[in-house]
Amino acid sequence: QIDFNEAVKRRDTQIEDLKRVFTAASNYLRARDAYSKDSTLPYVANNQSYDAMAPYIRGERPVLFSAERERDIRSIAKFVSEMKLKGIIVGGQEAWKAADMLKANNISVIYTNIYDLPVRDDDPYDYLFEAPSKMAAAGVKFSIATGNTGPEVRDLPYHAGIAGAFGLSKEDALKSVTMYPAEILGIADKVGS
């Protein structure tokens, strides 16, 4: 079993590694852009990995982060802010607790936990059912998903219904499985309504 401090240290190391990769890719793209405008600058060799990251670095496409706990979500929000990315949290069990940072950094949540059991023994039974209404009240953009592509997908309306029964308005419950996911993924002009 991994203790808490070791888990935090491992998470922080992973974030620093990710920062190095994103910073290197950003520097590469700036150098390539500069060379394309002024061929007297040093030539920058092609790097397919960094080229593939271009739409994410430039904020044209979102970067999805899987996280459940508030401390992890806050670390991701800080990373997204520092790297100037468009971020989306997938999972987001405690996203409502980090609503201030999510809203400030325009980070959306694809909430996948309606049918899960609360993780902590002292969490109330409706802890996960109320999370969407808490995110809505805090002004966090979110959608509700089943979390997988298997047979549970057919239960998506019930996920929204449970959120509606536990504080989320019926209109927002419907939008959380139609319009909101389309807006979060940037395809609302094609689907969602």
C-alpha atoms as a PDB file:
ATOM      1  CA  GLN A   1       0.000   0.000   0.000  1.00  0.00           C
ATOM      2  CA  ILE A   2       1.293   3.459  -0.952  1.00  0.00           C
ATOM      3  CA  ASP A   3       1.181   6.055   1.794  1.00  0.00           C
ATOM      4  CA  PHE A   4      -0.302   9.493   1.225  1.00  0.00           C
ATOM      5  CA  ASN A   5       2.999  11.396   1.097  1.00  0.00           C
ATOM      6  CA  GLU A   6       4.431   8.989  -1.454  1.00  0.00           C
ATOM      7  CA  ALA A   7       1.304   9.349  -3.626  1.00  0.00           C
ATOM      8  CA  VAL A   8       1.538  13.159  -3.486  1.00  0.00           C
ATOM      9  CA  LYS A   9       5.245  13.023  -4.327  1.00  0.00           C
ATOM     10  CA  ARG A  10       4.560  10.716  -7.280  1.00  0.00           C
ATOM     11  CA  ARG A  11       1.760  12.999  -8.544  1.00  0.00           C
ATOM     12  CA  ASP A  12       3.992  16.072  -8.266  1.00  0.00           C
ATOM     13  CA  THR A  13       6.797  14.275 -10.126  1.00  0.00           C
ATOM     14  CA  GLN A  14       4.387  13.302 -12.907  1.00  0.00           C
ATOM     15  CA  ILE A  15       3.158  16.898 -13.205  1.00  0.00           C
ATOM     16  CA  GLU A  16       6.729  18.202 -13.402  1.00  0.00           C
ATOM     17  CA  ASP A  17       7.511  15.637 -16.124  1.00  0.00           C
ATOM     18  CA  LEU A  18       4.410  16.728 -18.001  1.00  0.00           C
ATOM     19  CA  LYS A  19       5.412  20.387 -17.639  1.00  0.00           C
ATOM     20  CA  ARG A  20       8.803  19.612 -19.167  1.00  0.00           C
ATOM     21  CA  VAL A  21       7.192  17.904 -22.157  1.00  0.00           C
ATOM     22  CA  PHE A  22       4.677  20.713 -22.721  1.00  0.00           C
ATOM     23  CA  THR A  23       7.343  23.397 -22.288  1.00  0.00           C
ATOM     24  CA  ALA A  24       9.670  21.657 -24.751  1.00  0.00           C
ATOM     25  CA  ALA A  25       6.836  21.283 -27.267  1.00  0.00           C
ATOM     26  CA  SER A  26       5.828  24.926 -26.821  1.00  0.00           C
ATOM     27  CA  ASN A  27       9.418  26.095 -27.339  1.00  0.00           C
ATOM     28  CA  TYR A  28       9.739  23.875 -30.418  1.00  0.00           C
ATOM     29  CA  LEU A  29       6.520  25.282 -31.929  1.00  0.00           C
ATOM     30  CA  ARG A  30       7.598  28.880 -31.266  1.00  0.00           C
ATOM     31  CA  ALA A  31      10.963  28.198 -32.913  1.00  0.00           C
ATOM     32  CA  ARG A  32       9.258  26.558 -35.919  1.00  0.00           C
ATOM     33  CA  ASP A  33       6.864  29.514 -36.263  1.00  0.00           C
ATOM     34  CA  ALA A  34       9.735  31.974 -36.031  1.00  0.00           C
ATOM     35  CA  TYR A  35      11.731  30.056 -38.664  1.00  0.00           C
ATOM     36  CA  SER A  36       8.750  29.996 -41.033  1.00  0.00           C
ATOM     37  CA  LYS A  37       8.618  33.815 -40.829  1.00  0.00           C
ATOM     38  CA  ASP A  38      12.370  34.410 -40.962  1.00  0.00           C
ATOM     39  CA  SER A  39      14.490  31.760 -42.679  1.00  0.00           C
ATOM     40  CA  THR A  40      17.704  33.418 -41.461  1.00  0.00           C
ATOM     41  CA  LEU A  41      16.995  31.956 -38.011  1.00  0.00           C
ATOM     42  CA  PRO A  42      18.442  28.532 -37.167  1.00  0.00           C
ATOM     43  CA  TYR A  43      16.580  25.642 -38.755  1.00  0.00           C
ATOM     44  CA  VAL A  44      14.561  23.498 -36.344  1.00  0.00           C
ATOM     45  CA  ALA A  45      14.357  19.815 -37.263  1.00  0.00           C
ATOM     46  CA  ASN A  46      10.907  18.248 -37.452  1.00  0.00           C
ATOM     47  CA  ASN A  47       9.630  16.544 -34.331  1.00  0.00           C
ATOM     48  CA  GLN A  48       6.422  14.649 -35.053  1.00  0.00           C
ATOM     49  CA  SER A  49       5.561  14.250 -31.384  1.00  0.00           C
ATOM     50  CA  TYR A  50       5.703  17.989 -30.764  1.00  0.00           C
ATOM     51  CA  ASP A  51       3.900  18.721 -34.033  1.00  0.00           C
ATOM     52  CA  ALA A  52       1.069  16.457 -32.866  1.00  0.00           C
ATOM     53  CA  MET A  53       0.812  18.468 -29.633  1.00  0.00           C
ATOM     54  CA  ALA A  54       0.363  21.784 -31.470  1.00  0.00           C
ATOM     55  CA  PRO A  55      -3.455  22.016 -31.278  1.00  0.00           C
ATOM     56  CA  TYR A  56      -3.333  21.270 -27.540  1.00  0.00           C
ATOM     57  CA  ILE A  57      -0.524  23.722 -26.790  1.00  0.00           C
ATOM     58  CA  ARG A  58      -2.306  26.457 -28.758  1.00  0.00           C
ATOM     59  CA  GLY A  59      -5.586  25.806 -26.937  1.00  0.00           C
ATOM     60  CA  GLU A  60      -7.395  24.682 -30.080  1.00  0.00           C
ATOM     61  CA  ARG A  61      -8.196  21.290 -28.555  1.00  0.00           C
ATOM     62  CA  PRO A  62      -8.739  20.310 -24.929  1.00  0.00           C
ATOM     63  CA  VAL A  63      -6.422  18.173 -22.842  1.00  0.00           C
ATOM     64  CA  LEU A  64      -8.351  15.601 -20.795  1.00  0.00           C
ATOM     65  CA  PHE A  65      -7.170  14.794 -17.279  1.00  0.00           C
ATOM     66  CA  SER A  66      -8.524  11.899 -15.242  1.00  0.00           C
ATOM     67  CA  ALA A  67      -8.863  12.961 -11.606  1.00  0.00           C
ATOM     68  CA  GLU A  68     -11.232  12.381  -8.704  1.00  0.00           C
ATOM     69  CA  ARG A  69      -9.791  14.020  -5.580  1.00  0.00           C
ATOM     70  CA  GLU A  70      -9.875  17.730  -4.827  1.00  0.00           C
ATOM     71  CA  ARG A  71      -6.109  17.996  -4.285  1.00  0.00           C
ATOM     72  CA  ASP A  72      -5.416  16.359  -7.658  1.00  0.00           C
ATOM     73  CA  ILE A  73      -7.986  18.536  -9.410  1.00  0.00           C
ATOM     74  CA  ARG A  74      -6.429  21.661  -7.892  1.00  0.00           C
ATOM     75  CA  SER A  75      -2.980  20.528  -9.087  1.00  0.00           C
ATOM     76  CA  ILE A  76      -4.353  20.008 -12.586  1.00  0.00           C
ATOM     77  CA  ALA A  77      -6.028  23.443 -12.535  1.00  0.00           C
ATOM     78  CA  LYS A  78      -2.707  25.006 -11.575  1.00  0.00           C
ATOM     79  CA  PHE A  79      -0.952  23.101 -14.371  1.00  0.00           C
ATOM     80  CA  VAL A  80      -3.582  24.153 -16.938  1.00  0.00           C
ATOM     81  CA  SER A  81      -3.230  27.769 -15.833  1.00  0.00           C
ATOM     82  CA  GLU A  82       0.577  27.742 -15.990  1.00  0.00           C
ATOM     83  CA  MET A  83       0.670  26.028 -19.381  1.00  0.00           C
ATOM     84  CA  LYS A  84      -2.256  28.096 -20.748  1.00  0.00           C
ATOM     85  CA  LEU A  85      -4.131  25.005 -21.921  1.00  0.00           C
ATOM     86  CA  LYS A  86      -7.780  24.198 -22.412  1.00  0.00           C
ATOM     87  CA  GLY A  87      -8.424  21.523 -19.792  1.00  0.00           C
ATOM     88  CA  ILE A  88     -11.202  19.073 -19.042  1.00  0.00           C
ATOM     89  CA  ILE A  89     -11.439  16.927 -15.914  1.00  0.00           C
ATOM     90  CA  VAL A  90     -12.811  13.416 -16.482  1.00  0.00           C
ATOM     91  CA  GLY A  91     -14.197  11.767 -13.360  1.00  0.00           C
ATOM     92  CA  GLY A  92     -14.361  14.727 -11.014  1.00  0.00           C
ATOM     93  CA  GLN A  93     -15.802  13.107  -7.913  1.00  0.00           C
ATOM     94  CA  GLU A  94     -14.692  16.075  -5.775  1.00  0.00           C
ATOM     95  CA  ALA A  95     -14.645  18.671  -8.564  1.00  0.00           C
ATOM     96  CA  TRP A  96     -17.246  20.802  -6.811  1.00  0.00           C
ATOM     97  CA  LYS A  97     -14.789  21.290  -3.930  1.00  0.00           C
ATOM     98  CA  ALA A  98     -12.309  22.888  -6.365  1.00  0.00           C
ATOM     99  CA  ALA A  99     -14.996  24.909  -8.159  1.00  0.00           C
ATOM    100  CA  ASP A 100     -13.182  28.206  -7.569  1.00  0.00           C
ATOM    101  CA  MET A 101     -10.089  27.081  -9.480  1.00  0.00           C
ATOM    102  CA  LEU A 102     -12.071  25.266 -12.179  1.00  0.00           C
ATOM    103  CA  LYS A 103     -14.214  28.310 -12.875  1.00  0.00           C
ATOM    104  CA  ALA A 104     -11.256  30.723 -12.766  1.00  0.00           C
ATOM    105  CA  ASN A 105      -9.349  28.615 -15.315  1.00  0.00           C
ATOM    106  CA  ASN A 106     -12.390  27.734 -17.458  1.00  0.00           C
ATOM    107  CA  ILE A 107     -11.920  24.010 -16.832  1.00  0.00           C
ATOM    108  CA  SER A 108     -14.919  21.796 -17.554  1.00  0.00           C
ATOM    109  CA  VAL A 109     -15.803  18.489 -15.918  1.00  0.00           C
ATOM    110  CA  ILE A 110     -17.077  15.298 -17.501  1.00  0.00           C
ATOM    111  CA  TYR A 111     -18.609  13.806 -14.368  1.00  0.00           C
ATOM    112  CA  THR A 112     -18.622   9.989 -14.370  1.00  0.00           C
ATOM    113  CA  ASN A 113     -19.516   9.098 -10.788  1.00  0.00           C
ATOM    114  CA  ILE A 114     -23.304   9.097 -10.350  1.00  0.00           C
ATOM    115  CA  TYR A 115     -23.566   5.317  -9.849  1.00  0.00           C
ATOM    116  CA  ASP A 116     -20.334   4.940  -7.895  1.00  0.00           C
ATOM    117  CA  LEU A 117     -20.260   4.408  -4.170  1.00  0.00           C
ATOM    118  CA  PRO A 118     -18.780   7.131  -1.968  1.00  0.00           C
ATOM    119  CA  VAL A 119     -15.109   6.382  -1.381  1.00  0.00           C
ATOM    120  CA  ARG A 120     -14.863   7.454   2.245  1.00  0.00           C
ATOM    121  CA  ASP A 121     -16.784   5.639   4.954  1.00  0.00           C
ATOM    122  CA  ASP A 122     -18.145   8.882   6.390  1.00  0.00           C
ATOM    123  CA  ASP A 123     -19.436  10.311   3.082  1.00  0.00           C
ATOM    124  CA  PRO A 124     -23.231  10.570   2.960  1.00  0.00           C
ATOM    125  CA  TYR A 125     -25.063   8.219   0.613  1.00  0.00           C
ATOM    126  CA  ASP A 126     -26.048  11.065  -1.718  1.00  0.00           C
ATOM    127  CA  TYR A 127     -22.564  12.592  -1.872  1.00  0.00           C
ATOM    128  CA  LEU A 128     -22.036  11.683  -5.523  1.00  0.00           C
ATOM    129  CA  PHE A 129     -25.647  12.301  -6.552  1.00  0.00           C
ATOM    130  CA  GLU A 130     -25.455  15.949  -5.439  1.00  0.00           C
ATOM    131  CA  ALA A 131     -22.124  16.797  -7.088  1.00  0.00           C
ATOM    132  CA  PRO A 132     -23.676  17.967 -10.405  1.00  0.00           C
ATOM    133  CA  SER A 133     -26.018  20.394  -8.619  1.00  0.00           C
ATOM    134  CA  LYS A 134     -23.089  21.719  -6.582  1.00  0.00           C
ATOM    135  CA  MET A 135     -21.039  22.253  -9.750  1.00  0.00           C
ATOM    136  CA  ALA A 136     -23.986  24.010 -11.414  1.00  0.00           C
ATOM    137  CA  ALA A 137     -24.458  26.266  -8.375  1.00  0.00           C
ATOM    138  CA  ALA A 138     -20.738  27.136  -8.436  1.00  0.00           C
ATOM    139  CA  GLY A 139     -20.833  27.962 -12.163  1.00  0.00           C
ATOM    140  CA  VAL A 140     -18.587  25.091 -13.265  1.00  0.00           C
ATOM    141  CA  LYS A 141     -19.231  23.790 -16.779  1.00  0.00           C
ATOM    142  CA  PHE A 142     -19.955  20.075 -16.579  1.00  0.00           C
ATOM    143  CA  SER A 143     -21.588  17.164 -18.315  1.00  0.00           C
ATOM    144  CA  ILE A 144     -22.680  13.784 -17.030  1.00  0.00           C
ATOM    145  CA  ALA A 145     -21.273  10.587 -18.542  1.00  0.00           C
ATOM    146  CA  THR A 146     -21.356   6.912 -17.649  1.00  0.00           C
ATOM    147  CA  GLY A 147     -17.586   6.629 -17.683  1.00  0.00           C
ATOM    148  CA  ASN A 148     -17.319   3.811 -20.186  1.00  0.00           C
ATOM    149  CA  THR A 149     -18.471   2.779 -23.628  1.00  0.00           C
ATOM    150  CA  GLY A 150     -19.977  -0.540 -22.604  1.00  0.00           C
ATOM    151  CA  PRO A 151     -23.584  -1.443 -21.933  1.00  0.00           C
ATOM    152  CA  GLU A 152     -23.888   1.186 -19.174  1.00  0.00           C
ATOM    153  CA  VAL A 153     -24.144   3.893 -21.831  1.00  0.00           C
ATOM    154  CA  ARG A 154     -27.832   3.072 -22.205  1.00  0.00           C
ATOM    155  CA  ASP A 155     -28.265   4.170 -18.566  1.00  0.00           C
ATOM    156  CA  LEU A 156     -27.147   7.736 -19.285  1.00  0.00           C
ATOM    157  CA  PRO A 157     -30.670   9.205 -18.938  1.00  0.00           C
ATOM    158  CA  TYR A 158     -30.911   7.613 -15.501  1.00  0.00           C
ATOM    159  CA  HIS A 159     -27.625   9.194 -14.448  1.00  0.00           C
ATOM    160  CA  ALA A 160     -29.063  12.595 -15.378  1.00  0.00           C
ATOM    161  CA  GLY A 161     -32.334  11.707 -13.659  1.00  0.00           C
ATOM    162  CA  ILE A 162     -30.592  10.909 -10.385  1.00  0.00           C
ATOM    163  CA  ALA A 163     -28.730  14.224 -10.543  1.00  0.00           C
ATOM    164  CA  GLY A 164     -32.104  15.900 -11.198  1.00  0.00           C
ATOM    165  CA  ALA A 165     -33.619  14.169  -8.179  1.00  0.00           C
ATOM    166  CA  PHE A 166     -30.776  15.427  -5.989  1.00  0.00           C
ATOM    167  CA  GLY A 167     -30.791  19.150  -6.661  1.00  0.00           C
ATOM    168  CA  LEU A 168     -29.932  19.672 -10.313  1.00  0.00           C
ATOM    169  CA  SER A 169     -32.716  21.405 -12.212  1.00  0.00           C
ATOM    170  CA  LYS A 170     -34.530  19.225 -14.726  1.00  0.00           C
ATOM    171  CA  GLU A 171     -33.438  21.564 -17.519  1.00  0.00           C
ATOM    172  CA  ASP A 172     -29.773  21.323 -16.480  1.00  0.00           C
ATOM    173  CA  ALA A 173     -30.100  17.548 -16.053  1.00  0.00           C
ATOM    174  CA  LEU A 174     -31.238  17.224 -19.663  1.00  0.00           C
ATOM    175  CA  LYS A 175     -28.576  19.639 -20.906  1.00  0.00           C
ATOM    176  CA  SER A 176     -25.902  17.739 -18.936  1.00  0.00           C
ATOM    177  CA  VAL A 177     -26.281  14.797 -21.322  1.00  0.00           C
ATOM    178  CA  THR A 178     -27.045  16.740 -24.510  1.00  0.00           C
ATOM    179  CA  MET A 179     -25.970  20.365 -24.931  1.00  0.00           C
ATOM    180  CA  TYR A 180     -23.320  20.657 -22.221  1.00  0.00           C
ATOM    181  CA  PRO A 181     -21.118  17.774 -23.462  1.00  0.00           C
ATOM    182  CA  ALA A 182     -21.295  19.182 -26.989  1.00  0.00           C
ATOM    183  CA  GLU A 183     -20.261  22.622 -25.707  1.00  0.00           C
ATOM    184  CA  ILE A 184     -17.427  21.183 -23.604  1.00  0.00           C
ATOM    185  CA  LEU A 185     -16.070  19.222 -26.572  1.00  0.00           C
ATOM    186  CA  GLY A 186     -16.484  22.158 -28.942  1.00  0.00           C
ATOM    187  CA  ILE A 187     -18.994  20.473 -31.267  1.00  0.00           C
ATOM    188  CA  ALA A 188     -22.196  22.252 -30.228  1.00  0.00           C
ATOM    189  CA  ASP A 189     -22.588  23.597 -33.766  1.00  0.00           C
ATOM    190  CA  LYS A 190     -23.035  19.990 -34.991  1.00  0.00           C
ATOM    191  CA  VAL A 191     -24.708  18.041 -32.172  1.00  0.00           C
ATOM    192  CA  GLY A 192     -26.243  18.450 -28.736  1.00  0.00           C
ATOM    193  CA  SER A 193     -29.508  20.247 -29.349  1.00  0.00           C
END
